[in-house]
Amino acid sequence: MFFKKANDGNAYCYMFQLLEPGSELKINIDIYNRDIERVGYLHWVDPADGVNYRIEQPEGFCLITAWLGDEKPEIPETILF
C-alpha cells in the first residue's frame, strides 16, 4: 500500500499492489470483466469511484496494481524495515 498526506493532514492510500500465484490470473480477469469496465489490455476502471486496476504477469505471478486517478503513479523504491 502506498500513502500520501493530503493538505488537511490526513493520509490516504492512492495505490496498492497485490501479488498472487499465477493460477489466480484467469479468476481475477473474469471477476474484473464481470464487475467493472475494461479499458485496455488487462486494464479496467471502476466508473463508480475512478479506481484503475491493471494486471501484469511477472515470472509466473499475477500482480494487480490499483490506483486512483488517470495516470498510474510511479512505484516508489521499496523500504525494508
PDB file of N, CA and C in Angstrom:
ATOM      1  N   MET A   1       0.850  -1.161   0.000  1.00  0.00           N
ATOM      2  CA  MET A   1       0.000   0.000   0.000  1.00  0.00           C
ATOM      3  C   MET A   1       0.904   1.236   0.000  1.00  0.00           C
ATOM      4  N   PHE A   2       0.478   2.244  -0.719  1.00  0.00           N
ATOM      5  CA  PHE A   2       1.234   3.490  -0.830  1.00  0.00           C
ATOM      6  C   PHE A   2       0.340   4.629  -0.369  1.00  0.00           C
ATOM      7  N   PHE A   3       0.866   5.487   0.483  1.00  0.00           N
ATOM      8  CA  PHE A   3       0.081   6.554   1.100  1.00  0.00           C
ATOM      9  C   PHE A   3       0.657   7.918   0.759  1.00  0.00           C
ATOM     10  N   LYS A   4      -0.221   8.897   0.698  1.00  0.00           N
ATOM     11  CA  LYS A   4       0.155  10.310   0.547  1.00  0.00           C
ATOM     12  C   LYS A   4      -0.531  11.085   1.655  1.00  0.00           C
ATOM     13  N   LYS A   5       0.079  12.196   2.026  1.00  0.00           N
ATOM     14  CA  LYS A   5      -0.527  13.056   3.032  1.00  0.00           C
ATOM     15  C   LYS A   5      -1.208  14.216   2.318  1.00  0.00           C
ATOM     16  N   ALA A   6      -2.492  14.408   2.602  1.00  0.00           N
ATOM     17  CA  ALA A   6      -3.260  15.494   1.994  1.00  0.00           C
ATOM     18  C   ALA A   6      -2.961  16.807   2.710  1.00  0.00           C
ATOM     19  N   ASN A   7      -3.372  17.908   2.093  1.00  0.00           N
ATOM     20  CA  ASN A   7      -3.161  19.229   2.693  1.00  0.00           C
ATOM     21  C   ASN A   7      -3.812  19.364   4.061  1.00  0.00           C
ATOM     22  N   ASP A   8      -4.876  18.608   4.305  1.00  0.00           N
ATOM     23  CA  ASP A   8      -5.540  18.685   5.609  1.00  0.00           C
ATOM     24  C   ASP A   8      -4.855  17.829   6.674  1.00  0.00           C
ATOM     25  N   GLY A   9      -3.755  17.168   6.297  1.00  0.00           N
ATOM     26  CA  GLY A   9      -3.002  16.366   7.250  1.00  0.00           C
ATOM     27  C   GLY A   9      -3.377  14.899   7.283  1.00  0.00           C
ATOM     28  N   ASN A  10      -4.472  14.528   6.645  1.00  0.00           N
ATOM     29  CA  ASN A  10      -4.888  13.131   6.615  1.00  0.00           C
ATOM     30  C   ASN A  10      -4.089  12.362   5.569  1.00  0.00           C
ATOM     31  N   ALA A  11      -3.765  11.122   5.888  1.00  0.00           N
ATOM     32  CA  ALA A  11      -3.080  10.251   4.939  1.00  0.00           C
ATOM     33  C   ALA A  11      -4.125   9.401   4.222  1.00  0.00           C
ATOM     34  N   TYR A  12      -3.885   9.148   2.944  1.00  0.00           N
ATOM     35  CA  TYR A  12      -4.791   8.289   2.193  1.00  0.00           C
ATOM     36  C   TYR A  12      -3.985   7.364   1.285  1.00  0.00           C
ATOM     37  N   CYS A  13      -4.566   6.222   1.029  1.00  0.00           N
ATOM     38  CA  CYS A  13      -3.944   5.243   0.145  1.00  0.00           C
ATOM     39  C   CYS A  13      -4.296   5.615  -1.296  1.00  0.00           C
ATOM     40  N   TYR A  14      -3.284   5.856  -2.111  1.00  0.00           N
ATOM     41  CA  TYR A  14      -3.541   6.212  -3.505  1.00  0.00           C
ATOM     42  C   TYR A  14      -3.227   5.061  -4.457  1.00  0.00           C
ATOM     43  N   MET A  15      -2.577   3.999  -3.929  1.00  0.00           N
ATOM     44  CA  MET A  15      -2.234   2.877  -4.794  1.00  0.00           C
ATOM     45  C   MET A  15      -1.920   1.672  -3.918  1.00  0.00           C
ATOM     46  N   PHE A  16      -2.282   0.478  -4.422  1.00  0.00           N
ATOM     47  CA  PHE A  16      -1.840  -0.738  -3.744  1.00  0.00           C
ATOM     48  C   PHE A  16      -1.484  -1.782  -4.781  1.00  0.00           C
ATOM     49  N   GLN A  17      -0.656  -2.729  -4.365  1.00  0.00           N
ATOM     50  CA  GLN A  17      -0.308  -3.851  -5.219  1.00  0.00           C
ATOM     51  C   GLN A  17      -0.577  -5.141  -4.468  1.00  0.00           C
ATOM     52  N   LEU A  18      -1.013  -6.131  -5.216  1.00  0.00           N
ATOM     53  CA  LEU A  18      -1.326  -7.438  -4.665  1.00  0.00           C
ATOM     54  C   LEU A  18      -0.653  -8.481  -5.544  1.00  0.00           C
ATOM     55  N   LEU A  19       0.168  -9.323  -4.946  1.00  0.00           N
ATOM     56  CA  LEU A  19       0.869 -10.373  -5.678  1.00  0.00           C
ATOM     57  C   LEU A  19       0.230 -11.711  -5.330  1.00  0.00           C
ATOM     58  N   GLU A  20      -0.234 -12.413  -6.352  1.00  0.00           N
ATOM     59  CA  GLU A  20      -0.890 -13.701  -6.157  1.00  0.00           C
ATOM     60  C   GLU A  20      -0.229 -14.742  -7.061  1.00  0.00           C
ATOM     61  N   PRO A  21      -0.479 -16.021  -6.794  1.00  0.00           N
ATOM     62  CA  PRO A  21       0.040 -17.057  -7.692  1.00  0.00           C
ATOM     63  C   PRO A  21      -0.523 -16.880  -9.100  1.00  0.00           C
ATOM     64  N   GLY A  22       0.251 -17.271 -10.094  1.00  0.00           N
ATOM     65  CA  GLY A  22      -0.199 -17.172 -11.476  1.00  0.00           C
ATOM     66  C   GLY A  22      -1.486 -17.922 -11.744  1.00  0.00           C
ATOM     67  N   SER A  23      -1.783 -18.921 -10.924  1.00  0.00           N
ATOM     68  CA  SER A  23      -3.016 -19.692 -11.100  1.00  0.00           C
ATOM     69  C   SER A  23      -4.260 -18.843 -10.858  1.00  0.00           C
ATOM     70  N   GLU A  24      -4.115 -17.681 -10.216  1.00  0.00           N
ATOM     71  CA  GLU A  24      -5.243 -16.791  -9.937  1.00  0.00           C
ATOM     72  C   GLU A  24      -5.526 -15.816 -11.088  1.00  0.00           C
ATOM     73  N   LEU A  25      -4.690 -15.807 -12.111  1.00  0.00           N
ATOM     74  CA  LEU A  25      -4.809 -14.844 -13.205  1.00  0.00           C
ATOM     75  C   LEU A  25      -6.186 -14.890 -13.863  1.00  0.00           C
ATOM     76  N   LYS A  26      -6.606 -16.054 -14.317  1.00  0.00           N
ATOM     77  CA  LYS A  26      -7.887 -16.162 -15.025  1.00  0.00           C
ATOM     78  C   LYS A  26      -9.054 -15.776 -14.121  1.00  0.00           C
ATOM     79  N   ILE A  27      -9.016 -16.183 -12.861  1.00  0.00           N
ATOM     80  CA  ILE A  27     -10.089 -15.845 -11.921  1.00  0.00           C
ATOM     81  C   ILE A  27     -10.207 -14.334 -11.769  1.00  0.00           C
ATOM     82  N   ASN A  28      -9.067 -13.645 -11.603  1.00  0.00           N
ATOM     83  CA  ASN A  28      -9.099 -12.188 -11.453  1.00  0.00           C
ATOM     84  C   ASN A  28      -9.604 -11.502 -12.716  1.00  0.00           C
ATOM     85  N   ILE A  29      -9.166 -11.959 -13.866  1.00  0.00           N
ATOM     86  CA  ILE A  29      -9.632 -11.379 -15.127  1.00  0.00           C
ATOM     87  C   ILE A  29     -11.144 -11.561 -15.258  1.00  0.00           C
ATOM     88  N   ASP A  30     -11.637 -12.745 -14.953  1.00  0.00           N
ATOM     89  CA  ASP A  30     -13.081 -12.999 -15.032  1.00  0.00           C
ATOM     90  C   ASP A  30     -13.861 -12.074 -14.094  1.00  0.00           C
ATOM     91  N   ILE A  31     -13.346 -11.880 -12.868  1.00  0.00           N
ATOM     92  CA  ILE A  31     -14.029 -11.008 -11.907  1.00  0.00           C
ATOM     93  C   ILE A  31     -14.061  -9.571 -12.414  1.00  0.00           C
ATOM     94  N   TYR A  32     -12.920  -9.066 -12.879  1.00  0.00           N
ATOM     95  CA  TYR A  32     -12.886  -7.682 -13.361  1.00  0.00           C
ATOM     96  C   TYR A  32     -13.750  -7.503 -14.598  1.00  0.00           C
ATOM     97  N   ASN A  33     -13.721  -8.466 -15.535  1.00  0.00           N
ATOM     98  CA  ASN A  33     -14.565  -8.370 -16.731  1.00  0.00           C
ATOM     99  C   ASN A  33     -16.051  -8.360 -16.364  1.00  0.00           C
ATOM    100  N   ARG A  34     -16.406  -9.070 -15.309  1.00  0.00           N
ATOM    101  CA  ARG A  34     -17.807  -9.139 -14.881  1.00  0.00           C
ATOM    102  C   ARG A  34     -18.252  -7.865 -14.158  1.00  0.00           C
ATOM    103  N   ASP A  35     -17.358  -7.308 -13.341  1.00  0.00           N
ATOM    104  CA  ASP A  35     -17.777  -6.263 -12.402  1.00  0.00           C
ATOM    105  C   ASP A  35     -17.454  -4.828 -12.813  1.00  0.00           C
ATOM    106  N   ILE A  36     -16.436  -4.611 -13.631  1.00  0.00           N
ATOM    107  CA  ILE A  36     -16.056  -3.231 -13.973  1.00  0.00           C
ATOM    108  C   ILE A  36     -15.709  -3.106 -15.453  1.00  0.00           C
ATOM    109  N   GLU A  37     -15.515  -1.886 -15.900  1.00  0.00           N
ATOM    110  CA  GLU A  37     -15.341  -1.585 -17.322  1.00  0.00           C
ATOM    111  C   GLU A  37     -13.898  -1.809 -17.782  1.00  0.00           C
ATOM    112  N   ARG A  38     -13.751  -2.639 -18.792  1.00  0.00           N
ATOM    113  CA  ARG A  38     -12.418  -2.890 -19.364  1.00  0.00           C
ATOM    114  C   ARG A  38     -12.084  -1.747 -20.314  1.00  0.00           C
ATOM    115  N   VAL A  39     -10.895  -1.159 -20.151  1.00  0.00           N
ATOM    116  CA  VAL A  39     -10.498  -0.017 -20.978  1.00  0.00           C
ATOM    117  C   VAL A  39      -9.248  -0.291 -21.805  1.00  0.00           C
ATOM    118  N   GLY A  40      -8.639  -1.452 -21.634  1.00  0.00           N
ATOM    119  CA  GLY A  40      -7.444  -1.804 -22.382  1.00  0.00           C
ATOM    120  C   GLY A  40      -7.025  -3.221 -22.046  1.00  0.00           C
ATOM    121  N   TYR A  41      -5.871  -3.596 -22.566  1.00  0.00           N
ATOM    122  CA  TYR A  41      -5.355  -4.938 -22.318  1.00  0.00           C
ATOM    123  C   TYR A  41      -4.997  -5.082 -20.843  1.00  0.00           C
ATOM    124  N   LEU A  42      -5.709  -5.967 -20.142  1.00  0.00           N
ATOM    125  CA  LEU A  42      -5.524  -6.216 -18.714  1.00  0.00           C
ATOM    126  C   LEU A  42      -5.591  -4.928 -17.885  1.00  0.00           C
ATOM    127  N   HIS A  43      -6.507  -4.032 -18.278  1.00  0.00           N
ATOM    128  CA  HIS A  43      -6.689  -2.743 -17.604  1.00  0.00           C
ATOM    129  C   HIS A  43      -8.184  -2.450 -17.512  1.00  0.00           C
ATOM    130  N   TRP A  44      -8.649  -2.159 -16.292  1.00  0.00           N
ATOM    131  CA  TRP A  44     -10.055  -1.869 -16.034  1.00  0.00           C
ATOM    132  C   TRP A  44     -10.161  -0.605 -15.204  1.00  0.00           C
ATOM    133  N   VAL A  45     -11.292   0.093 -15.329  1.00  0.00           N
ATOM    134  CA  VAL A  45     -11.583   1.263 -14.499  1.00  0.00           C
ATOM    135  C   VAL A  45     -12.985   1.093 -13.924  1.00  0.00           C
ATOM    136  N   ASP A  46     -13.088   1.306 -12.622  1.00  0.00           N
ATOM    137  CA  ASP A  46     -14.389   1.261 -11.961  1.00  0.00           C
ATOM    138  C   ASP A  46     -15.022   2.639 -12.092  1.00  0.00           C
ATOM    139  N   PRO A  47     -16.084   2.799 -12.902  1.00  0.00           N
ATOM    140  CA  PRO A  47     -16.673   4.120 -13.108  1.00  0.00           C
ATOM    141  C   PRO A  47     -17.300   4.706 -11.835  1.00  0.00           C
ATOM    142  N   ALA A  48     -17.608   3.862 -10.862  1.00  0.00           N
ATOM    143  CA  ALA A  48     -18.230   4.357  -9.632  1.00  0.00           C
ATOM    144  C   ALA A  48     -17.266   5.189  -8.793  1.00  0.00           C
ATOM    145  N   ASP A  49     -15.986   4.814  -8.794  1.00  0.00           N
ATOM    146  CA  ASP A  49     -15.036   5.540  -7.937  1.00  0.00           C
ATOM    147  C   ASP A  49     -13.749   5.964  -8.645  1.00  0.00           C
ATOM    148  N   GLY A  50     -13.599   5.626  -9.933  1.00  0.00           N
ATOM    149  CA  GLY A  50     -12.433   6.048 -10.695  1.00  0.00           C
ATOM    150  C   GLY A  50     -11.161   5.276 -10.402  1.00  0.00           C
ATOM    151  N   VAL A  51     -11.273   4.141  -9.719  1.00  0.00           N
ATOM    152  CA  VAL A  51     -10.086   3.337  -9.424  1.00  0.00           C
ATOM    153  C   VAL A  51      -9.733   2.500 -10.646  1.00  0.00           C
ATOM    154  N   ASN A  52      -8.458   2.538 -11.016  1.00  0.00           N
ATOM    155  CA  ASN A  52      -7.917   1.744 -12.113  1.00  0.00           C
ATOM    156  C   ASN A  52      -7.354   0.445 -11.562  1.00  0.00           C
ATOM    157  N   TYR A  53      -7.479  -0.622 -12.337  1.00  0.00           N
ATOM    158  CA  TYR A  53      -6.904  -1.922 -11.983  1.00  0.00           C
ATOM    159  C   TYR A  53      -6.140  -2.420 -13.198  1.00  0.00           C
ATOM    160  N   ARG A  54      -4.905  -2.829 -12.982  1.00  0.00           N
ATOM    161  CA  ARG A  54      -4.101  -3.386 -14.072  1.00  0.00           C
ATOM    162  C   ARG A  54      -3.462  -4.675 -13.573  1.00  0.00           C
ATOM    163  N   ILE A  55      -3.474  -5.685 -14.426  1.00  0.00           N
ATOM    164  CA  ILE A  55      -2.862  -6.971 -14.107  1.00  0.00           C
ATOM    165  C   ILE A  55      -1.624  -7.152 -14.964  1.00  0.00           C
ATOM    166  N   GLU A  56      -0.550  -7.570 -14.319  1.00  0.00           N
ATOM    167  CA  GLU A  56       0.682  -7.942 -15.012  1.00  0.00           C
ATOM    168  C   GLU A  56       1.026  -9.371 -14.615  1.00  0.00           C
ATOM    169  N   GLN A  57       1.921  -9.991 -15.389  1.00  0.00           N
ATOM    170  CA  GLN A  57       2.257 -11.388 -15.161  1.00  0.00           C
ATOM    171  C   GLN A  57       3.764 -11.587 -15.026  1.00  0.00           C
ATOM    172  N   PRO A  58       4.386 -11.025 -13.987  1.00  0.00           N
ATOM    173  CA  PRO A  58       5.832 -11.192 -13.847  1.00  0.00           C
ATOM    174  C   PRO A  58       6.201 -12.586 -13.337  1.00  0.00           C
ATOM    175  N   GLU A  59       7.047 -13.275 -14.065  1.00  0.00           N
ATOM    176  CA  GLU A  59       7.638 -14.540 -13.621  1.00  0.00           C
ATOM    177  C   GLU A  59       6.624 -15.530 -13.042  1.00  0.00           C
ATOM    178  N   GLY A  60       5.501 -15.709 -13.719  1.00  0.00           N
ATOM    179  CA  GLY A  60       4.524 -16.699 -13.305  1.00  0.00           C
ATOM    180  C   GLY A  60       3.587 -16.277 -12.193  1.00  0.00           C
ATOM    181  N   PHE A  61       3.630 -15.001 -11.818  1.00  0.00           N
ATOM    182  CA  PHE A  61       2.738 -14.487 -10.788  1.00  0.00           C
ATOM    183  C   PHE A  61       1.638 -13.653 -11.419  1.00  0.00           C
ATOM    184  N   CYS A  62       0.658 -13.294 -10.617  1.00  0.00           N
ATOM    185  CA  CYS A  62      -0.404 -12.374 -11.007  1.00  0.00           C
ATOM    186  C   CYS A  62      -0.234 -11.131 -10.137  1.00  0.00           C
ATOM    187  N   LEU A  63       0.224 -10.039 -10.719  1.00  0.00           N
ATOM    188  CA  LEU A  63       0.442  -8.788  -9.991  1.00  0.00           C
ATOM    189  C   LEU A  63      -0.681  -7.822 -10.344  1.00  0.00           C
ATOM    190  N   ILE A  64      -1.477  -7.459  -9.339  1.00  0.00           N
ATOM    191  CA  ILE A  64      -2.563  -6.499  -9.520  1.00  0.00           C
ATOM    192  C   ILE A  64      -2.125  -5.173  -8.919  1.00  0.00           C
ATOM    193  N   THR A  65      -2.223  -4.113  -9.711  1.00  0.00           N
ATOM    194  CA  THR A  65      -1.957  -2.765  -9.226  1.00  0.00           C
ATOM    195  C   THR A  65      -3.249  -1.973  -9.357  1.00  0.00           C
ATOM    196  N   ALA A  66      -3.644  -1.327  -8.292  1.00  0.00           N
ATOM    197  CA  ALA A  66      -4.845  -0.485  -8.299  1.00  0.00           C
ATOM    198  C   ALA A  66      -4.431   0.911  -7.873  1.00  0.00           C
ATOM    199  N   TRP A  67      -4.954   1.931  -8.581  1.00  0.00           N
ATOM    200  CA  TRP A  67      -4.611   3.303  -8.245  1.00  0.00           C
ATOM    201  C   TRP A  67      -5.778   4.218  -8.540  1.00  0.00           C
ATOM    202  N   LEU A  68      -5.755   5.349  -7.869  1.00  0.00           N
ATOM    203  CA  LEU A  68      -6.790   6.356  -8.031  1.00  0.00           C
ATOM    204  C   LEU A  68      -6.275   7.426  -8.977  1.00  0.00           C
ATOM    205  N   GLY A  69      -7.065   7.770  -9.979  1.00  0.00           N
ATOM    206  CA  GLY A  69      -6.675   8.816 -10.920  1.00  0.00           C
ATOM    207  C   GLY A  69      -6.420   8.266 -12.303  1.00  0.00           C
ATOM    208  N   ASP A  70      -6.116   9.183 -13.223  1.00  0.00           N
ATOM    209  CA  ASP A  70      -5.959   8.812 -14.625  1.00  0.00           C
ATOM    210  C   ASP A  70      -4.634   8.139 -14.940  1.00  0.00           C
ATOM    211  N   GLU A  71      -3.553   8.662 -14.386  1.00  0.00           N
ATOM    212  CA  GLU A  71      -2.220   8.156 -14.703  1.00  0.00           C
ATOM    213  C   GLU A  71      -1.707   7.250 -13.594  1.00  0.00           C
ATOM    214  N   LYS A  72      -1.120   6.120 -13.982  1.00  0.00           N
ATOM    215  CA  LYS A  72      -0.538   5.225 -12.992  1.00  0.00           C
ATOM    216  C   LYS A  72       0.679   5.899 -12.369  1.00  0.00           C
ATOM    217  N   PRO A  73       0.693   6.022 -11.037  1.00  0.00           N
ATOM    218  CA  PRO A  73       1.838   6.650 -10.376  1.00  0.00           C
ATOM    219  C   PRO A  73       3.093   5.791 -10.497  1.00  0.00           C
ATOM    220  N   GLU A  74       4.238   6.431 -10.381  1.00  0.00           N
ATOM    221  CA  GLU A  74       5.494   5.699 -10.329  1.00  0.00           C
ATOM    222  C   GLU A  74       5.529   4.894  -9.033  1.00  0.00           C
ATOM    223  N   ILE A  75       6.105   3.720  -9.088  1.00  0.00           N
ATOM    224  CA  ILE A  75       6.242   2.888  -7.898  1.00  0.00           C
ATOM    225  C   ILE A  75       7.473   3.385  -7.130  1.00  0.00           C
ATOM    226  N   PRO A  76       7.286   3.834  -5.880  1.00  0.00           N
ATOM    227  CA  PRO A  76       8.457   4.278  -5.114  1.00  0.00           C
ATOM    228  C   PRO A  76       9.370   3.111  -4.772  1.00  0.00           C
ATOM    229  N   GLU A  77      10.622   3.415  -4.503  1.00  0.00           N
ATOM    230  CA  GLU A  77      11.554   2.371  -4.104  1.00  0.00           C
ATOM    231  C   GLU A  77      11.060   1.740  -2.807  1.00  0.00           C
ATOM    232  N   THR A  78      11.223   0.448  -2.715  1.00  0.00           N
ATOM    233  CA  THR A  78      10.763  -0.266  -1.535  1.00  0.00           C
ATOM    234  C   THR A  78      11.701   0.006  -0.361  1.00  0.00           C
ATOM    235  N   ILE A  79      11.110   0.256   0.776  1.00  0.00           N
ATOM    236  CA  ILE A  79      11.878   0.455   2.002  1.00  0.00           C
ATOM    237  C   ILE A  79      11.624  -0.749   2.885  1.00  0.00           C
ATOM    238  N   LEU A  80      12.667  -1.440   3.262  1.00  0.00           N
ATOM    239  CA  LEU A  80      12.529  -2.620   4.107  1.00  0.00           C
ATOM    240  C   LEU A  80      12.822  -2.231   5.552  1.00  0.00           C
ATOM    241  N   PHE A  81      11.989  -2.674   6.461  1.00  0.00           N
ATOM    242  CA  PHE A  81      12.171  -2.393   7.888  1.00  0.00           C
ATOM    243  C   PHE A  81      12.751  -3.602   8.561  1.00  0.00           C
TER     244      PHE A  81
END
